Amino acid sequence: MGSIDKFLGPGLSYGNNHDQQLPSEADDIGLQNPAHSLNLLHQEILSEGDVTRDFDQNFEPFRLAFSHGPFLWPRSLCGPTGPTNTSVTVDYQLTWPGLNPLLERAAMIGEHKQPYVIIPSEWAPMDNPGDMTKRLQREMRGRYAHRYKCPQVFVFDSFHLVILQFRAASKDQIQDENCHVDICIIPRGQLSQEQCTIQYALYRLAWRGWMRLSAMLATQQGSKRKTVTVAVDGIPRTYEWWSGKPLWEVAPGRYQYGHPNGWKRQFFRLGTGGYWIWADDNGNYPDGGLVYDTGNCLQ
């Protein structure tokens, strides 16, 4: 579980000079929802259709974590939400509508593939992938992640789950072969201290996509998207596109993680809503009042 949390959890690892987000109520709000074990049935996994059935029965219930806010909706075999000029359909996506369903966008997308299509050794950074793996990698990058404007992606073949996260500064940068990609491969049923369940990995991938969308899109007006404009101590805040992590423009054109004066982003519950705000470790607020970093993220 520690490995998946390193790049999908609340404390994104950026090195010693970058701000570390501590766990907050937003990190486990969905994990508080009760779940019950499914009846275990023997299944023959011989086709892509079998893989889809297996996923829906045994792994899609991770979505319980997003059934009471934040609300993420599953879609199967459909194209990108919102305006699009592509007819490409992805097998599975979780979308977040926010205040306006017309602005619904994908928090994560995934493809179901024939059994044993995923060859773990060919996804390792130092190994040379074969032709089939290369085609699959290109497909996930250009055909899906880029067209769906979604850097959080997975591939599932019933025996392995591959998590991909493109650290892109924009949608178009996803297509750049030099764009860094986080990769995590999880075999089914082989748990160890450093390996989480497939369900938890899917939860974390969707959670990171929700964080990205809530940062960028939590304030929505009419048919347009608008991010919350924030400046703390005169320093403007922007966002990292692929993760939704705050960046501070400490000088013209120069950005850094972490506010120079130590303000930290915390999750604030107000009624049924949830907002990211800025405060310090002692509960003080900039200028003595609440400074909202986002709109309501629990739509």
C-alpha atoms as a PDB file:
ATOM      1  CA  MET A   1       0.000   0.000   0.000  1.00  0.00           C
ATOM      2  CA  GLY A   2       2.904   2.325   0.691  1.00  0.00           C
ATOM      3  CA  SER A   3       4.091   2.143  -2.904  1.00  0.00           C
ATOM      4  CA  ILE A   4       0.803   3.242  -4.445  1.00  0.00           C
ATOM      5  CA  ASP A   5       0.454   6.021  -1.882  1.00  0.00           C
ATOM      6  CA  LYS A   6       3.829   7.436  -2.898  1.00  0.00           C
ATOM      7  CA  PHE A   7       2.469   8.766  -6.187  1.00  0.00           C
ATOM      8  CA  LEU A   8      -1.321   8.616  -5.795  1.00  0.00           C
ATOM      9  CA  GLY A   9      -1.825   9.318  -2.108  1.00  0.00           C
ATOM     10  CA  PRO A  10      -2.216  12.574  -0.177  1.00  0.00           C
ATOM     11  CA  GLY A  11       1.519  13.035   0.390  1.00  0.00           C
ATOM     12  CA  LEU A  12       2.786  13.258  -3.178  1.00  0.00           C
ATOM     13  CA  SER A  13       6.524  12.653  -3.172  1.00  0.00           C
ATOM     14  CA  TYR A  14       8.453  15.483  -4.811  1.00  0.00           C
ATOM     15  CA  GLY A  15      11.725  15.560  -2.883  1.00  0.00           C
ATOM     16  CA  ASN A  16      13.039  17.576   0.031  1.00  0.00           C
ATOM     17  CA  ASN A  17      12.371  21.014  -1.449  1.00  0.00           C
ATOM     18  CA  HIS A  18       8.681  20.453  -2.126  1.00  0.00           C
ATOM     19  CA  ASP A  19       5.661  20.702   0.104  1.00  0.00           C
ATOM     20  CA  GLN A  20       4.246  17.469   1.471  1.00  0.00           C
ATOM     21  CA  GLN A  21       0.483  17.258   1.979  1.00  0.00           C
ATOM     22  CA  LEU A  22      -0.472  15.512   5.200  1.00  0.00           C
ATOM     23  CA  PRO A  23      -3.473  13.163   5.335  1.00  0.00           C
ATOM     24  CA  SER A  24      -6.779  14.934   5.935  1.00  0.00           C
ATOM     25  CA  GLU A  25     -10.430  14.059   6.186  1.00  0.00           C
ATOM     26  CA  ALA A  26     -10.618  14.181   2.393  1.00  0.00           C
ATOM     27  CA  ASP A  27      -8.139  11.320   2.137  1.00  0.00           C
ATOM     28  CA  ASP A  28     -10.331   8.711   3.779  1.00  0.00           C
ATOM     29  CA  ILE A  29     -13.819  10.214   3.567  1.00  0.00           C
ATOM     30  CA  GLY A  30     -14.848   7.543   1.076  1.00  0.00           C
ATOM     31  CA  LEU A  31     -13.095   4.735   2.924  1.00  0.00           C
ATOM     32  CA  GLN A  32     -15.475   5.243   5.841  1.00  0.00           C
ATOM     33  CA  ASN A  33     -18.363   3.829   3.794  1.00  0.00           C
ATOM     34  CA  PRO A  34     -19.151   0.246   4.849  1.00  0.00           C
ATOM     35  CA  ALA A  35     -18.768  -2.569   2.336  1.00  0.00           C
ATOM     36  CA  HIS A  36     -19.637  -6.252   2.429  1.00  0.00           C
ATOM     37  CA  SER A  37     -17.772  -9.114   0.833  1.00  0.00           C
ATOM     38  CA  LEU A  38     -19.222 -10.537  -2.354  1.00  0.00           C
ATOM     39  CA  ASN A  39     -19.966 -14.209  -2.780  1.00  0.00           C
ATOM     40  CA  LEU A  40     -16.934 -15.820  -4.405  1.00  0.00           C
ATOM     41  CA  LEU A  41     -17.801 -17.639  -7.605  1.00  0.00           C
ATOM     42  CA  HIS A  42     -15.488 -19.667  -9.811  1.00  0.00           C
ATOM     43  CA  GLN A  43     -15.124 -17.939 -13.154  1.00  0.00           C
ATOM     44  CA  GLU A  44     -13.574 -18.857 -16.459  1.00  0.00           C
ATOM     45  CA  ILE A  45     -11.701 -15.850 -17.856  1.00  0.00           C
ATOM     46  CA  LEU A  46     -11.243 -16.538 -21.555  1.00  0.00           C
ATOM     47  CA  SER A  47     -12.285 -13.366 -23.368  1.00  0.00           C
ATOM     48  CA  GLU A  48     -12.359  -9.591 -23.009  1.00  0.00           C
ATOM     49  CA  GLY A  49     -16.058  -9.884 -22.192  1.00  0.00           C
ATOM     50  CA  ASP A  50     -15.173 -12.202 -19.289  1.00  0.00           C
ATOM     51  CA  VAL A  51     -12.640  -9.627 -18.081  1.00  0.00           C
ATOM     52  CA  THR A  52     -15.314  -6.923 -18.081  1.00  0.00           C
ATOM     53  CA  ARG A  53     -17.711  -9.136 -16.145  1.00  0.00           C
ATOM     54  CA  ASP A  54     -14.964  -9.996 -13.664  1.00  0.00           C
ATOM     55  CA  PHE A  55     -14.135  -6.316 -13.172  1.00  0.00           C
ATOM     56  CA  ASP A  56     -17.766  -5.308 -12.671  1.00  0.00           C
ATOM     57  CA  GLN A  57     -18.427  -8.083 -10.158  1.00  0.00           C
ATOM     58  CA  ASN A  58     -15.245  -8.125  -8.132  1.00  0.00           C
ATOM     59  CA  PHE A  59     -13.436  -4.807  -8.482  1.00  0.00           C
ATOM     60  CA  GLU A  60     -15.889  -2.069  -9.478  1.00  0.00           C
ATOM     61  CA  PRO A  61     -17.380  -2.071  -5.940  1.00  0.00           C
ATOM     62  CA  PHE A  62     -14.417   0.155  -4.972  1.00  0.00           C
ATOM     63  CA  ARG A  63     -16.741   2.894  -6.228  1.00  0.00           C
ATOM     64  CA  LEU A  64     -18.660   2.687  -2.945  1.00  0.00           C
ATOM     65  CA  ALA A  65     -16.030   5.132  -1.716  1.00  0.00           C
ATOM     66  CA  PHE A  66     -17.476   7.720  -4.112  1.00  0.00           C
ATOM     67  CA  SER A  67     -21.161   7.075  -3.498  1.00  0.00           C
ATOM     68  CA  HIS A  68     -21.767   9.585  -0.683  1.00  0.00           C
ATOM     69  CA  GLY A  69     -19.576  12.476  -1.785  1.00  0.00           C
ATOM     70  CA  PRO A  70     -17.492  13.097  -3.674  1.00  0.00           C
ATOM     71  CA  PHE A  71     -19.872  11.631  -6.247  1.00  0.00           C
ATOM     72  CA  LEU A  72     -18.173   9.950  -9.185  1.00  0.00           C
ATOM     73  CA  TRP A  73     -20.332   8.276 -11.802  1.00  0.00           C
ATOM     74  CA  PRO A  74     -19.326   5.184 -13.812  1.00  0.00           C
ATOM     75  CA  ARG A  75     -19.673   5.121 -17.585  1.00  0.00           C
ATOM     76  CA  SER A  76     -19.008   2.178 -19.872  1.00  0.00           C
ATOM     77  CA  LEU A  77     -18.184   2.070 -23.584  1.00  0.00           C
ATOM     78  CA  CYS A  78     -18.751   5.761 -24.247  1.00  0.00           C
ATOM     79  CA  GLY A  79     -16.729   8.686 -25.510  1.00  0.00           C
ATOM     80  CA  PRO A  80     -15.447  11.709 -23.614  1.00  0.00           C
ATOM     81  CA  THR A  81     -18.036  13.799 -21.823  1.00  0.00           C
ATOM     82  CA  GLY A  82     -18.511  17.370 -22.950  1.00  0.00           C
ATOM     83  CA  PRO A  83     -17.735  18.783 -26.408  1.00  0.00           C
ATOM     84  CA  THR A  84     -15.693  16.336 -28.478  1.00  0.00           C
ATOM     85  CA  ASN A  85     -14.887  15.517 -32.071  1.00  0.00           C
ATOM     86  CA  THR A  86     -13.789  11.931 -31.436  1.00  0.00           C
ATOM     87  CA  SER A  87     -15.759   8.700 -31.785  1.00  0.00           C
ATOM     88  CA  VAL A  88     -13.280   6.724 -29.676  1.00  0.00           C
ATOM     89  CA  THR A  89     -14.919   4.956 -26.733  1.00  0.00           C
ATOM     90  CA  VAL A  90     -13.158   3.753 -23.618  1.00  0.00           C
ATOM     91  CA  ASP A  91     -14.276   0.657 -21.712  1.00  0.00           C
ATOM     92  CA  TYR A  92     -14.652   2.361 -18.334  1.00  0.00           C
ATOM     93  CA  GLN A  93     -14.522   5.832 -16.893  1.00  0.00           C
ATOM     94  CA  LEU A  94     -15.424   7.549 -13.647  1.00  0.00           C
ATOM     95  CA  THR A  95     -16.657  11.092 -14.127  1.00  0.00           C
ATOM     96  CA  TRP A  96     -17.287  14.034 -11.831  1.00  0.00           C
ATOM     97  CA  PRO A  97     -20.119  16.411 -12.805  1.00  0.00           C
ATOM     98  CA  GLY A  98     -19.676  18.992 -10.078  1.00  0.00           C
ATOM     99  CA  LEU A  99     -22.331  21.708 -10.064  1.00  0.00           C
ATOM    100  CA  ASN A 100     -23.270  21.346 -13.711  1.00  0.00           C
ATOM    101  CA  PRO A 101     -23.630  17.985 -15.496  1.00  0.00           C
ATOM    102  CA  LEU A 102     -22.791  19.713 -18.779  1.00  0.00           C
ATOM    103  CA  LEU A 103     -19.273  20.147 -17.412  1.00  0.00           C
ATOM    104  CA  GLU A 104     -18.836  16.500 -16.428  1.00  0.00           C
ATOM    105  CA  ARG A 105     -15.263  15.235 -16.970  1.00  0.00           C
ATOM    106  CA  ALA A 106     -13.340  11.995 -16.379  1.00  0.00           C
ATOM    107  CA  ALA A 107     -11.484  11.535 -13.102  1.00  0.00           C
ATOM    108  CA  MET A 108     -10.004   8.281 -14.430  1.00  0.00           C
ATOM    109  CA  ILE A 109     -10.395   5.989 -17.432  1.00  0.00           C
ATOM    110  CA  GLY A 110      -9.597   2.333 -18.003  1.00  0.00           C
ATOM    111  CA  GLU A 111      -9.444  -0.415 -20.606  1.00  0.00           C
ATOM    112  CA  HIS A 112     -10.286  -4.100 -20.233  1.00  0.00           C
ATOM    113  CA  LYS A 113      -8.094  -6.408 -22.309  1.00  0.00           C
ATOM    114  CA  GLN A 114      -7.863 -10.076 -23.227  1.00  0.00           C
ATOM    115  CA  PRO A 115      -6.500 -12.305 -20.431  1.00  0.00           C
ATOM    116  CA  TYR A 116      -2.692 -12.316 -20.119  1.00  0.00           C
ATOM    117  CA  VAL A 117      -2.221  -9.331 -22.428  1.00  0.00           C
ATOM    118  CA  ILE A 118      -0.320  -7.582 -19.627  1.00  0.00           C
ATOM    119  CA  ILE A 119       3.262  -8.891 -19.412  1.00  0.00           C
ATOM    120  CA  PRO A 120       4.617  -7.412 -16.160  1.00  0.00           C
ATOM    121  CA  SER A 121       8.305  -7.633 -17.070  1.00  0.00           C
ATOM    122  CA  GLU A 122       7.716  -5.540 -20.204  1.00  0.00           C
ATOM    123  CA  TRP A 123       6.278  -2.642 -18.180  1.00  0.00           C
ATOM    124  CA  ALA A 124       9.362  -2.366 -15.982  1.00  0.00           C
ATOM    125  CA  PRO A 125      11.382   0.807 -16.726  1.00  0.00           C
ATOM    126  CA  MET A 126      14.589  -0.996 -17.732  1.00  0.00           C
ATOM    127  CA  ASP A 127      13.047  -3.679 -19.929  1.00  0.00           C
ATOM    128  CA  ASN A 128      12.461  -3.493 -23.660  1.00  0.00           C
ATOM    129  CA  PRO A 129       8.736  -4.069 -24.347  1.00  0.00           C
ATOM    130  CA  GLY A 130       7.557  -6.315 -27.134  1.00  0.00           C
ATOM    131  CA  ASP A 131       5.378  -5.180 -30.020  1.00  0.00           C
ATOM    132  CA  MET A 132       2.099  -6.014 -28.269  1.00  0.00           C
ATOM    133  CA  THR A 133       3.051  -4.064 -25.149  1.00  0.00           C
ATOM    134  CA  LYS A 134       4.269  -1.122 -27.238  1.00  0.00           C
ATOM    135  CA  ARG A 135       0.941  -0.980 -29.059  1.00  0.00           C
ATOM    136  CA  LEU A 136      -0.926  -1.059 -25.771  1.00  0.00           C
ATOM    137  CA  GLN A 137       1.227   1.709 -24.308  1.00  0.00           C
ATOM    138  CA  ARG A 138       0.705   3.903 -27.378  1.00  0.00           C
ATOM    139  CA  GLU A 139      -3.017   3.196 -27.262  1.00  0.00           C
ATOM    140  CA  MET A 140      -3.356   4.235 -23.622  1.00  0.00           C
ATOM    141  CA  ARG A 141      -1.297   7.382 -24.194  1.00  0.00           C
ATOM    142  CA  GLY A 142      -2.591   8.750 -27.492  1.00  0.00           C
ATOM    143  CA  ARG A 143      -5.932   7.061 -28.096  1.00  0.00           C
ATOM    144  CA  TYR A 144      -7.359   7.420 -24.600  1.00  0.00           C
ATOM    145  CA  ALA A 145      -5.471   9.593 -22.077  1.00  0.00           C
ATOM    146  CA  HIS A 146      -4.927  12.400 -24.587  1.00  0.00           C
ATOM    147  CA  ARG A 147      -8.399  12.383 -26.120  1.00  0.00           C
ATOM    148  CA  TYR A 148     -10.132  12.127 -22.775  1.00  0.00           C
ATOM    149  CA  LYS A 149      -7.837  14.804 -21.261  1.00  0.00           C
ATOM    150  CA  CYS A 150      -7.259  12.398 -18.399  1.00  0.00           C
ATOM    151  CA  PRO A 151      -3.765  11.624 -17.030  1.00  0.00           C
ATOM    152  CA  GLN A 152      -5.055   8.908 -14.633  1.00  0.00           C
ATOM    153  CA  VAL A 153      -5.417   5.644 -16.595  1.00  0.00           C
ATOM    154  CA  PHE A 154      -5.552   1.892 -15.937  1.00  0.00           C
ATOM    155  CA  VAL A 155      -5.433  -1.375 -17.923  1.00  0.00           C
ATOM    156  CA  PHE A 156      -6.925  -4.607 -16.548  1.00  0.00           C
ATOM    157  CA  ASP A 157      -6.780  -8.166 -17.916  1.00  0.00           C
ATOM    158  CA  SER A 158      -8.164 -10.044 -14.850  1.00  0.00           C
ATOM    159  CA  PHE A 159      -4.697 -11.206 -13.836  1.00  0.00           C
ATOM    160  CA  HIS A 160      -2.873  -7.872 -13.583  1.00  0.00           C
ATOM    161  CA  LEU A 161      -3.766  -4.228 -13.146  1.00  0.00           C
ATOM    162  CA  VAL A 162      -1.495  -1.571 -14.651  1.00  0.00           C
ATOM    163  CA  ILE A 163      -1.847   1.946 -13.272  1.00  0.00           C
ATOM    164  CA  LEU A 164      -0.534   4.786 -15.450  1.00  0.00           C
ATOM    165  CA  GLN A 165      -0.271   8.440 -14.490  1.00  0.00           C
ATOM    166  CA  PHE A 166       1.051  10.950 -17.004  1.00  0.00           C
ATOM    167  CA  ARG A 167       2.817  13.857 -15.320  1.00  0.00           C
ATOM    168  CA  ALA A 168       1.823  16.251 -18.067  1.00  0.00           C
ATOM    169  CA  ALA A 169       1.538  20.023 -17.829  1.00  0.00           C
ATOM    170  CA  SER A 170      -1.316  19.973 -20.350  1.00  0.00           C
ATOM    171  CA  LYS A 171      -3.474  17.602 -22.375  1.00  0.00           C
ATOM    172  CA  ASP A 172      -1.184  17.873 -25.388  1.00  0.00           C
ATOM    173  CA  GLN A 173       1.924  17.033 -23.373  1.00  0.00           C
ATOM    174  CA  ILE A 174       0.478  13.579 -22.692  1.00  0.00           C
ATOM    175  CA  GLN A 175       1.428  12.693 -26.271  1.00  0.00           C
ATOM    176  CA  ASP A 176       5.062  13.669 -25.732  1.00  0.00           C
ATOM    177  CA  GLU A 177       7.098  10.476 -25.385  1.00  0.00           C
ATOM    178  CA  ASN A 178       9.367  12.360 -22.966  1.00  0.00           C
ATOM    179  CA  CYS A 179       6.452  12.959 -20.591  1.00  0.00           C
ATOM    180  CA  HIS A 180       7.223  11.148 -17.327  1.00  0.00           C
ATOM    181  CA  VAL A 181       4.780   8.324 -16.569  1.00  0.00           C
ATOM    182  CA  ASP A 182       4.193   6.769 -13.152  1.00  0.00           C
ATOM    183  CA  ILE A 183       3.652   3.028 -13.607  1.00  0.00           C
ATOM    184  CA  CYS A 184       2.468   0.508 -11.037  1.00  0.00           C
ATOM    185  CA  ILE A 185       1.726  -3.157 -11.813  1.00  0.00           C
ATOM    186  CA  ILE A 186      -0.403  -5.131  -9.361  1.00  0.00           C
ATOM    187  CA  PRO A 187      -0.788  -8.903  -9.749  1.00  0.00           C
ATOM    188  CA  ARG A 188      -4.033 -10.391  -8.575  1.00  0.00           C
ATOM    189  CA  GLY A 189      -4.085 -12.093  -5.199  1.00  0.00           C
ATOM    190  CA  GLN A 190      -0.372 -11.771  -4.369  1.00  0.00           C
ATOM    191  CA  LEU A 191      -0.359  -9.388  -1.430  1.00  0.00           C
ATOM    192  CA  SER A 192       2.785  -8.277   0.353  1.00  0.00           C
ATOM    193  CA  GLN A 193       3.731  -5.471   2.706  1.00  0.00           C
ATOM    194  CA  GLU A 194       4.520  -3.172  -0.225  1.00  0.00           C
ATOM    195  CA  GLN A 195       1.554  -4.175  -2.387  1.00  0.00           C
ATOM    196  CA  CYS A 196      -2.033  -3.071  -2.001  1.00  0.00           C
ATOM    197  CA  THR A 197      -5.175  -4.705  -3.334  1.00  0.00           C
ATOM    198  CA  ILE A 198      -6.407  -3.919  -6.834  1.00  0.00           C
ATOM    199  CA  GLN A 199      -9.481  -2.299  -5.291  1.00  0.00           C
ATOM    200  CA  TYR A 200      -7.381   0.088  -3.212  1.00  0.00           C
ATOM    201  CA  ALA A 201      -5.214   0.997  -6.206  1.00  0.00           C
ATOM    202  CA  LEU A 202      -8.327   1.841  -8.237  1.00  0.00           C
ATOM    203  CA  TYR A 203      -9.624   3.917  -5.331  1.00  0.00           C
ATOM    204  CA  ARG A 204      -6.376   5.874  -5.140  1.00  0.00           C
ATOM    205  CA  LEU A 205      -6.285   6.472  -8.898  1.00  0.00           C
ATOM    206  CA  ALA A 206      -9.854   7.787  -8.850  1.00  0.00           C
ATOM    207  CA  TRP A 207      -9.078   9.880  -5.754  1.00  0.00           C
ATOM    208  CA  ARG A 208      -6.155  11.554  -7.519  1.00  0.00           C
ATOM    209  CA  GLY A 209      -8.374  12.261 -10.518  1.00  0.00           C
ATOM    210  CA  TRP A 210     -10.982  13.769  -8.209  1.00  0.00           C
ATOM    211  CA  MET A 211      -8.320  15.952  -6.600  1.00  0.00           C
ATOM    212  CA  ARG A 212      -7.237  17.131 -10.051  1.00  0.00           C
ATOM    213  CA  LEU A 213     -10.796  17.989 -11.084  1.00  0.00           C
ATOM    214  CA  SER A 214     -11.784  19.553  -7.777  1.00  0.00           C
ATOM    215  CA  ALA A 215      -8.774  21.850  -7.976  1.00  0.00           C
ATOM    216  CA  MET A 216      -9.394  22.876 -11.564  1.00  0.00           C
ATOM    217  CA  LEU A 217     -13.164  22.773 -11.805  1.00  0.00           C
ATOM    218  CA  ALA A 218     -14.782  23.168  -8.391  1.00  0.00           C
ATOM    219  CA  THR A 219     -16.138  26.605  -9.255  1.00  0.00           C
ATOM    220  CA  GLN A 220     -18.474  26.256 -12.217  1.00  0.00           C
ATOM    221  CA  GLN A 221     -20.676  28.949 -13.692  1.00  0.00           C
ATOM    222  CA  GLY A 222     -23.173  28.317 -16.479  1.00  0.00           C
ATOM    223  CA  SER A 223     -21.482  26.403 -19.267  1.00  0.00           C
ATOM    224  CA  LYS A 224     -17.975  27.638 -18.441  1.00  0.00           C
ATOM    225  CA  ARG A 225     -15.337  26.436 -16.031  1.00  0.00           C
ATOM    226  CA  LYS A 226     -13.579  28.822 -13.730  1.00  0.00           C
ATOM    227  CA  THR A 227     -10.974  28.088 -11.072  1.00  0.00           C
ATOM    228  CA  VAL A 228     -10.984  29.930  -7.776  1.00  0.00           C
ATOM    229  CA  THR A 229      -8.594  32.885  -7.885  1.00  0.00           C
ATOM    230  CA  VAL A 230      -6.389  32.822  -4.788  1.00  0.00           C
ATOM    231  CA  ALA A 231      -3.466  34.901  -3.558  1.00  0.00           C
ATOM    232  CA  VAL A 232      -2.097  34.449  -0.046  1.00  0.00           C
ATOM    233  CA  ASP A 233       0.260  37.105   1.336  1.00  0.00           C
ATOM    234  CA  GLY A 234       0.255  38.597  -2.135  1.00  0.00           C
ATOM    235  CA  ILE A 235       1.528  35.392  -3.789  1.00  0.00           C
ATOM    236  CA  PRO A 236      -0.827  33.981  -6.460  1.00  0.00           C
ATOM    237  CA  ARG A 237      -1.705  30.298  -6.514  1.00  0.00           C
ATOM    238  CA  THR A 238      -2.047  28.172  -9.624  1.00  0.00           C
ATOM    239  CA  TYR A 239      -2.282  24.403 -10.091  1.00  0.00           C
ATOM    240  CA  GLU A 240      -0.247  21.558 -11.487  1.00  0.00           C
ATOM    241  CA  TRP A 241      -2.377  20.199 -14.322  1.00  0.00           C
ATOM    242  CA  TRP A 242      -1.925  16.451 -13.920  1.00  0.00           C
ATOM    243  CA  SER A 243      -2.298  16.274 -10.118  1.00  0.00           C
ATOM    244  CA  GLY A 244      -4.232  19.359  -8.998  1.00  0.00           C
ATOM    245  CA  LYS A 245      -1.469  20.159  -6.519  1.00  0.00           C
ATOM    246  CA  PRO A 246      -1.136  23.898  -5.717  1.00  0.00           C
ATOM    247  CA  LEU A 247       1.791  25.877  -7.093  1.00  0.00           C
ATOM    248  CA  TRP A 248       2.809  29.340  -5.885  1.00  0.00           C
ATOM    249  CA  GLU A 249       4.160  31.955  -8.281  1.00  0.00           C
ATOM    250  CA  VAL A 250       6.867  33.352  -5.997  1.00  0.00           C
ATOM    251  CA  ALA A 251       8.344  35.428  -8.835  1.00  0.00           C
ATOM    252  CA  PRO A 252       7.142  36.127 -12.376  1.00  0.00           C
ATOM    253  CA  GLY A 253       7.253  32.801 -14.190  1.00  0.00           C
ATOM    254  CA  ARG A 254       8.814  30.962 -11.212  1.00  0.00           C
ATOM    255  CA  TYR A 255       6.668  28.466  -9.314  1.00  0.00           C
ATOM    256  CA  GLN A 256       7.199  26.277  -6.275  1.00  0.00           C
ATOM    257  CA  TYR A 257       5.314  23.760  -4.155  1.00  0.00           C
ATOM    258  CA  GLY A 258       4.603  25.009  -0.672  1.00  0.00           C
ATOM    259  CA  HIS A 259       3.860  28.576   0.384  1.00  0.00           C
ATOM    260  CA  PRO A 260       7.005  30.470   1.500  1.00  0.00           C
ATOM    261  CA  ASN A 261       5.241  31.517   4.726  1.00  0.00           C
ATOM    262  CA  GLY A 262       4.157  28.002   5.608  1.00  0.00           C
ATOM    263  CA  TRP A 263       0.428  28.120   4.831  1.00  0.00           C
ATOM    264  CA  LYS A 264      -0.934  24.623   4.207  1.00  0.00           C
ATOM    265  CA  ARG A 265      -3.991  23.348   2.400  1.00  0.00           C
ATOM    266  CA  GLN A 266      -6.515  21.667   4.705  1.00  0.00           C
ATOM    267  CA  PHE A 267      -9.897  20.050   4.102  1.00  0.00           C
ATOM    268  CA  PHE A 268     -12.815  21.894   5.693  1.00  0.00           C
ATOM    269  CA  ARG A 269     -16.293  20.386   6.143  1.00  0.00           C
ATOM    270  CA  LEU A 270     -19.265  22.755   6.109  1.00  0.00           C
ATOM    271  CA  GLY A 271     -22.614  21.000   6.320  1.00  0.00           C
ATOM    272  CA  THR A 272     -22.713  18.457   3.508  1.00  0.00           C
ATOM    273  CA  GLY A 273     -20.036  20.337   1.574  1.00  0.00           C
ATOM    274  CA  GLY A 274     -16.273  20.041   1.594  1.00  0.00           C
ATOM    275  CA  TYR A 275     -13.718  22.695   0.663  1.00  0.00           C
ATOM    276  CA  TRP A 276      -9.955  23.056   0.586  1.00  0.00           C
ATOM    277  CA  ILE A 277      -8.814  26.076   2.588  1.00  0.00           C
ATOM    278  CA  TRP A 278      -5.487  27.621   3.650  1.00  0.00           C
ATOM    279  CA  ALA A 279      -4.324  27.651   7.274  1.00  0.00           C
ATOM    280  CA  ASP A 280      -1.256  26.979   9.407  1.00  0.00           C
ATOM    281  CA  ASP A 281      -0.501  24.198  11.881  1.00  0.00           C
ATOM    282  CA  ASN A 282      -2.089  26.201  14.712  1.00  0.00           C
ATOM    283  CA  GLY A 283      -5.416  26.709  12.953  1.00  0.00           C
ATOM    284  CA  ASN A 284      -4.773  30.327  12.000  1.00  0.00           C
ATOM    285  CA  TYR A 285      -6.038  31.665   8.669  1.00  0.00           C
ATOM    286  CA  PRO A 286      -4.399  34.161   6.314  1.00  0.00           C
ATOM    287  CA  ASP A 287      -5.610  37.698   7.106  1.00  0.00           C
ATOM    288  CA  GLY A 288      -7.706  36.254   9.930  1.00  0.00           C
ATOM    289  CA  GLY A 289     -10.431  34.722   7.754  1.00  0.00           C
ATOM    290  CA  LEU A 290     -11.177  31.638   5.676  1.00  0.00           C
ATOM    291  CA  VAL A 291      -9.335  31.583   2.361  1.00  0.00           C
ATOM    292  CA  TYR A 292     -10.966  29.007   0.111  1.00  0.00           C
ATOM    293  CA  ASP A 293      -8.718  27.178  -2.336  1.00  0.00           C
ATOM    294  CA  THR A 294     -11.628  25.467  -4.108  1.00  0.00           C
ATOM    295  CA  GLY A 295     -15.365  25.494  -4.309  1.00  0.00           C
ATOM    296  CA  ASN A 296     -17.438  22.597  -2.951  1.00  0.00           C
ATOM    297  CA  CYS A 297     -15.634  19.340  -3.820  1.00  0.00           C
ATOM    298  CA  LEU A 298     -18.305  16.988  -2.499  1.00  0.00           C
ATOM    299  CA  GLN A 299     -20.911  17.599  -5.209  1.00  0.00           C
END
